[in-house]
Amino acid sequence: MFNQEWFWLAIGFTGQGLFSLRFLVQWWQSEREGRSVIPISFWYFSIAGALTLFVYAVYRADPVFIVGQLTGLLIYFRNLYLIKTEKSIPKNEI
């Protein structure tokens, strides 16, 4: 029989897992390069995790959690936008 509570717990843990993977990706890339870097995949994992956790927070009707995830999402999307626009500007114009 389908248990709705287990389904939502799975959504919550999936979101947390995606969100946590961003740090593993960042650590792995930094180790490979021998310096601290934030790869673009960090931001994609951040968005995937935050969106999933946002859905979970809405289900739980937790306003603190909802606002926290929405704020983070704005920042993550802004960072991707900045990365995209930086790459489109020729280096000699910076």
N, C-alpha and C. Protein backbone atom coordinates (compact mmCIF):
# COMPACT_ATOMS: atom_id res chain seq x y z
N MET A 1 0.84 -1.19 0.00
CA MET A 1 0.00 0.00 0.00
C MET A 1 0.89 1.25 0.00
N PHE A 2 0.47 2.25 -0.74
CA PHE A 2 1.22 3.50 -0.86
C PHE A 2 1.08 4.32 0.43
N ASN A 3 2.21 4.70 0.98
CA ASN A 3 2.22 5.50 2.19
C ASN A 3 2.70 6.90 1.82
N GLN A 4 1.79 7.85 1.89
CA GLN A 4 2.11 9.23 1.49
C GLN A 4 3.23 9.83 2.32
N GLU A 5 3.28 9.53 3.60
CA GLU A 5 4.32 10.09 4.46
C GLU A 5 5.71 9.63 4.02
N TRP A 6 5.84 8.35 3.66
CA TRP A 6 7.13 7.84 3.19
C TRP A 6 7.53 8.50 1.88
N PHE A 7 6.55 8.75 1.02
CA PHE A 7 6.82 9.43 -0.24
C PHE A 7 7.43 10.80 0.01
N TRP A 8 6.83 11.58 0.91
CA TRP A 8 7.32 12.93 1.18
C TRP A 8 8.65 12.91 1.90
N LEU A 9 8.86 11.92 2.75
CA LEU A 9 10.19 11.78 3.38
C LEU A 9 11.24 11.48 2.32
N ALA A 10 10.89 10.66 1.34
CA ALA A 10 11.82 10.36 0.25
C ALA A 10 12.14 11.63 -0.54
N ILE A 11 11.12 12.46 -0.80
CA ILE A 11 11.34 13.74 -1.49
C ILE A 11 12.30 14.61 -0.67
N GLY A 12 12.05 14.72 0.62
CA GLY A 12 12.90 15.53 1.49
C GLY A 12 14.34 15.04 1.52
N PHE A 13 14.52 13.74 1.68
CA PHE A 13 15.88 13.19 1.72
C PHE A 13 16.57 13.29 0.36
N THR A 14 15.81 13.16 -0.72
CA THR A 14 16.40 13.33 -2.05
C THR A 14 16.90 14.76 -2.22
N GLY A 15 16.09 15.72 -1.83
CA GLY A 15 16.52 17.12 -1.90
C GLY A 15 17.75 17.38 -1.08
N GLN A 16 17.77 16.85 0.13
CA GLN A 16 18.94 17.04 0.99
C GLN A 16 20.17 16.37 0.39
N GLY A 17 19.97 15.20 -0.22
CA GLY A 17 21.09 14.51 -0.87
C GLY A 17 21.65 15.31 -2.03
N LEU A 18 20.77 15.84 -2.87
CA LEU A 18 21.21 16.68 -3.99
C LEU A 18 21.95 17.91 -3.49
N PHE A 19 21.40 18.52 -2.47
CA PHE A 19 22.00 19.72 -1.90
C PHE A 19 23.39 19.41 -1.33
N SER A 20 23.52 18.26 -0.69
CA SER A 20 24.81 17.87 -0.11
C SER A 20 25.84 17.50 -1.17
N LEU A 21 25.38 16.95 -2.29
CA LEU A 21 26.30 16.57 -3.36
C LEU A 21 27.09 17.75 -3.90
N ARG A 22 26.52 18.94 -3.79
CA ARG A 22 27.23 20.12 -4.30
C ARG A 22 28.56 20.31 -3.59
N PHE A 23 28.61 20.01 -2.30
CA PHE A 23 29.86 20.16 -1.56
C PHE A 23 30.87 19.08 -1.94
N LEU A 24 30.40 17.88 -2.21
CA LEU A 24 31.30 16.82 -2.66
C LEU A 24 31.89 17.15 -4.02
N VAL A 25 31.04 17.68 -4.92
CA VAL A 25 31.52 18.08 -6.25
C VAL A 25 32.55 19.20 -6.12
N GLN A 26 32.27 20.17 -5.28
CA GLN A 26 33.20 21.29 -5.09
C GLN A 26 34.52 20.80 -4.50
N TRP A 27 34.46 19.94 -3.52
CA TRP A 27 35.67 19.41 -2.89
C TRP A 27 36.49 18.61 -3.90
N TRP A 28 35.82 17.75 -4.66
CA TRP A 28 36.51 16.91 -5.64
C TRP A 28 37.20 17.77 -6.70
N GLN A 29 36.50 18.77 -7.20
CA GLN A 29 37.10 19.65 -8.23
C GLN A 29 38.27 20.44 -7.65
N SER A 30 38.15 20.92 -6.44
CA SER A 30 39.24 21.66 -5.80
C SER A 30 40.46 20.77 -5.62
N GLU A 31 40.25 19.53 -5.22
CA GLU A 31 41.37 18.59 -5.07
C GLU A 31 42.04 18.33 -6.41
N ARG A 32 41.25 18.20 -7.45
CA ARG A 32 41.82 17.96 -8.79
C ARG A 32 42.67 19.13 -9.27
N GLU A 33 42.22 20.36 -8.95
CA GLU A 33 42.94 21.55 -9.42
C GLU A 33 43.98 22.05 -8.43
N GLY A 34 43.95 21.52 -7.22
CA GLY A 34 44.92 21.95 -6.22
C GLY A 34 44.69 23.35 -5.69
N ARG A 35 43.47 23.84 -5.84
CA ARG A 35 43.08 25.16 -5.34
C ARG A 35 41.58 25.15 -5.13
N SER A 36 41.08 26.10 -4.38
CA SER A 36 39.65 26.17 -4.12
C SER A 36 38.92 26.74 -5.33
N VAL A 37 37.99 25.96 -5.87
CA VAL A 37 37.18 26.39 -7.01
C VAL A 37 35.73 26.00 -6.78
N ILE A 38 34.84 26.70 -7.46
CA ILE A 38 33.43 26.35 -7.43
C ILE A 38 33.02 26.04 -8.86
N PRO A 39 32.90 24.75 -9.19
CA PRO A 39 32.50 24.39 -10.56
C PRO A 39 31.04 24.75 -10.81
N ILE A 40 30.68 24.91 -12.07
CA ILE A 40 29.31 25.27 -12.42
C ILE A 40 28.32 24.21 -11.93
N SER A 41 28.74 22.96 -11.87
CA SER A 41 27.84 21.91 -11.39
C SER A 41 27.42 22.15 -9.94
N PHE A 42 28.23 22.87 -9.17
CA PHE A 42 27.87 23.23 -7.80
C PHE A 42 26.54 23.98 -7.79
N TRP A 43 26.39 24.92 -8.73
CA TRP A 43 25.17 25.73 -8.78
C TRP A 43 23.99 24.91 -9.26
N TYR A 44 24.21 23.98 -10.19
CA TYR A 44 23.11 23.13 -10.64
C TYR A 44 22.64 22.19 -9.53
N PHE A 45 23.56 21.62 -8.77
CA PHE A 45 23.16 20.80 -7.62
C PHE A 45 22.45 21.65 -6.57
N SER A 46 22.90 22.89 -6.39
CA SER A 46 22.25 23.79 -5.44
C SER A 46 20.80 24.03 -5.85
N ILE A 47 20.58 24.29 -7.12
CA ILE A 47 19.22 24.55 -7.62
C ILE A 47 18.35 23.30 -7.50
N ALA A 48 18.88 22.16 -7.92
CA ALA A 48 18.10 20.91 -7.85
C ALA A 48 17.73 20.59 -6.41
N GLY A 49 18.68 20.71 -5.51
CA GLY A 49 18.40 20.43 -4.11
C GLY A 49 17.43 21.42 -3.50
N ALA A 50 17.63 22.70 -3.79
CA ALA A 50 16.75 23.73 -3.23
C ALA A 50 15.33 23.62 -3.76
N LEU A 51 15.18 23.32 -5.05
CA LEU A 51 13.82 23.14 -5.60
C LEU A 51 13.11 21.96 -4.95
N THR A 52 13.83 20.86 -4.80
CA THR A 52 13.23 19.68 -4.18
C THR A 52 12.89 19.96 -2.73
N LEU A 53 13.80 20.61 -2.01
CA LEU A 53 13.52 20.95 -0.61
C LEU A 53 12.41 21.99 -0.49
N PHE A 54 12.31 22.88 -1.46
CA PHE A 54 11.22 23.85 -1.46
C PHE A 54 9.86 23.14 -1.56
N VAL A 55 9.76 22.18 -2.47
CA VAL A 55 8.52 21.41 -2.61
C VAL A 55 8.19 20.70 -1.30
N TYR A 56 9.20 20.11 -0.70
CA TYR A 56 9.01 19.44 0.59
C TYR A 56 8.55 20.43 1.67
N ALA A 57 9.16 21.61 1.69
CA ALA A 57 8.80 22.63 2.68
C ALA A 57 7.37 23.11 2.50
N VAL A 58 6.94 23.24 1.24
CA VAL A 58 5.56 23.64 0.98
C VAL A 58 4.61 22.56 1.50
N TYR A 59 4.94 21.31 1.23
CA TYR A 59 4.11 20.21 1.75
C TYR A 59 4.03 20.27 3.27
N ARG A 60 5.15 20.54 3.91
CA ARG A 60 5.18 20.62 5.37
C ARG A 60 4.60 21.94 5.90
N ALA A 61 4.33 22.88 5.00
CA ALA A 61 3.79 24.19 5.36
C ALA A 61 4.68 24.89 6.40
N ASP A 62 5.99 24.85 6.13
CA ASP A 62 6.98 25.45 7.03
C ASP A 62 7.46 26.77 6.43
N PRO A 63 6.94 27.91 6.90
CA PRO A 63 7.30 29.19 6.29
C PRO A 63 8.78 29.54 6.39
N VAL A 64 9.43 29.14 7.46
CA VAL A 64 10.86 29.43 7.61
C VAL A 64 11.65 28.68 6.55
N PHE A 65 11.36 27.42 6.37
CA PHE A 65 12.02 26.57 5.39
C PHE A 65 11.72 27.05 3.96
N ILE A 66 10.47 27.45 3.72
CA ILE A 66 10.07 27.94 2.40
C ILE A 66 10.86 29.20 2.03
N VAL A 67 10.89 30.18 2.92
CA VAL A 67 11.61 31.43 2.66
C VAL A 67 13.10 31.17 2.47
N GLY A 68 13.66 30.28 3.28
CA GLY A 68 15.08 29.96 3.16
C GLY A 68 15.43 29.37 1.81
N GLN A 69 14.60 28.45 1.33
CA GLN A 69 14.88 27.82 0.04
C GLN A 69 14.66 28.79 -1.11
N LEU A 70 13.62 29.63 -1.02
CA LEU A 70 13.39 30.61 -2.09
C LEU A 70 14.53 31.62 -2.19
N THR A 71 15.02 32.06 -1.04
CA THR A 71 16.14 33.00 -1.03
C THR A 71 17.37 32.37 -1.67
N GLY A 72 17.65 31.14 -1.29
CA GLY A 72 18.78 30.43 -1.88
C GLY A 72 18.64 30.28 -3.38
N LEU A 73 17.43 29.93 -3.84
CA LEU A 73 17.21 29.76 -5.28
C LEU A 73 17.51 31.03 -6.05
N LEU A 74 17.10 32.17 -5.52
CA LEU A 74 17.41 33.44 -6.19
C LEU A 74 18.91 33.63 -6.33
N ILE A 75 19.64 33.32 -5.29
CA ILE A 75 21.10 33.48 -5.31
C ILE A 75 21.74 32.51 -6.30
N TYR A 76 21.29 31.26 -6.31
CA TYR A 76 21.88 30.26 -7.21
C TYR A 76 21.63 30.62 -8.67
N PHE A 77 20.39 31.02 -8.98
CA PHE A 77 20.11 31.43 -10.36
C PHE A 77 20.88 32.68 -10.74
N ARG A 78 21.04 33.60 -9.82
CA ARG A 78 21.82 34.82 -10.09
C ARG A 78 23.27 34.46 -10.38
N ASN A 79 23.83 33.55 -9.62
CA ASN A 79 25.21 33.14 -9.87
C ASN A 79 25.37 32.50 -11.25
N LEU A 80 24.41 31.66 -11.65
CA LEU A 80 24.48 31.08 -12.99
C LEU A 80 24.38 32.17 -14.06
N TYR A 81 23.53 33.14 -13.84
CA TYR A 81 23.42 34.25 -14.78
C TYR A 81 24.74 35.02 -14.89
N LEU A 82 25.36 35.30 -13.75
CA LEU A 82 26.64 36.02 -13.76
C LEU A 82 27.72 35.22 -14.47
N ILE A 83 27.74 33.92 -14.26
CA ILE A 83 28.72 33.05 -14.94
C ILE A 83 28.48 33.10 -16.44
N LYS A 84 27.21 32.99 -16.85
CA LYS A 84 26.89 33.01 -18.28
C LYS A 84 27.29 34.34 -18.92
N THR A 85 26.98 35.46 -18.28
CA THR A 85 27.30 36.75 -18.88
C THR A 85 28.80 37.02 -18.85
N GLU A 86 29.49 36.53 -17.84
CA GLU A 86 30.95 36.72 -17.79
C GLU A 86 31.63 35.99 -18.94
N LYS A 87 31.16 34.80 -19.27
CA LYS A 87 31.77 34.02 -20.35
C LYS A 87 31.48 34.63 -21.71
N SER A 88 30.41 35.42 -21.83
CA SER A 88 30.07 36.01 -23.11
C SER A 88 30.80 37.34 -23.37
N ILE A 89 31.47 37.88 -22.34
CA ILE A 89 32.21 39.14 -22.49
C ILE A 89 33.66 38.81 -22.86
N PRO A 90 34.15 39.36 -23.98
CA PRO A 90 35.55 39.11 -24.33
C PRO A 90 36.50 39.59 -23.22
N LYS A 91 37.56 38.86 -22.98
CA LYS A 91 38.51 39.16 -21.90
C LYS A 91 39.10 40.57 -22.00
N ASN A 92 39.32 41.07 -23.20
CA ASN A 92 39.94 42.38 -23.33
C ASN A 92 38.98 43.52 -23.00
N GLU A 93 37.69 43.22 -22.76
CA GLU A 93 36.72 44.25 -22.40
C GLU A 93 36.47 44.29 -20.90
N ILE A 94 37.08 43.41 -20.15
CA ILE A 94 36.85 43.36 -18.71
C ILE A 94 37.78 44.34 -18.01
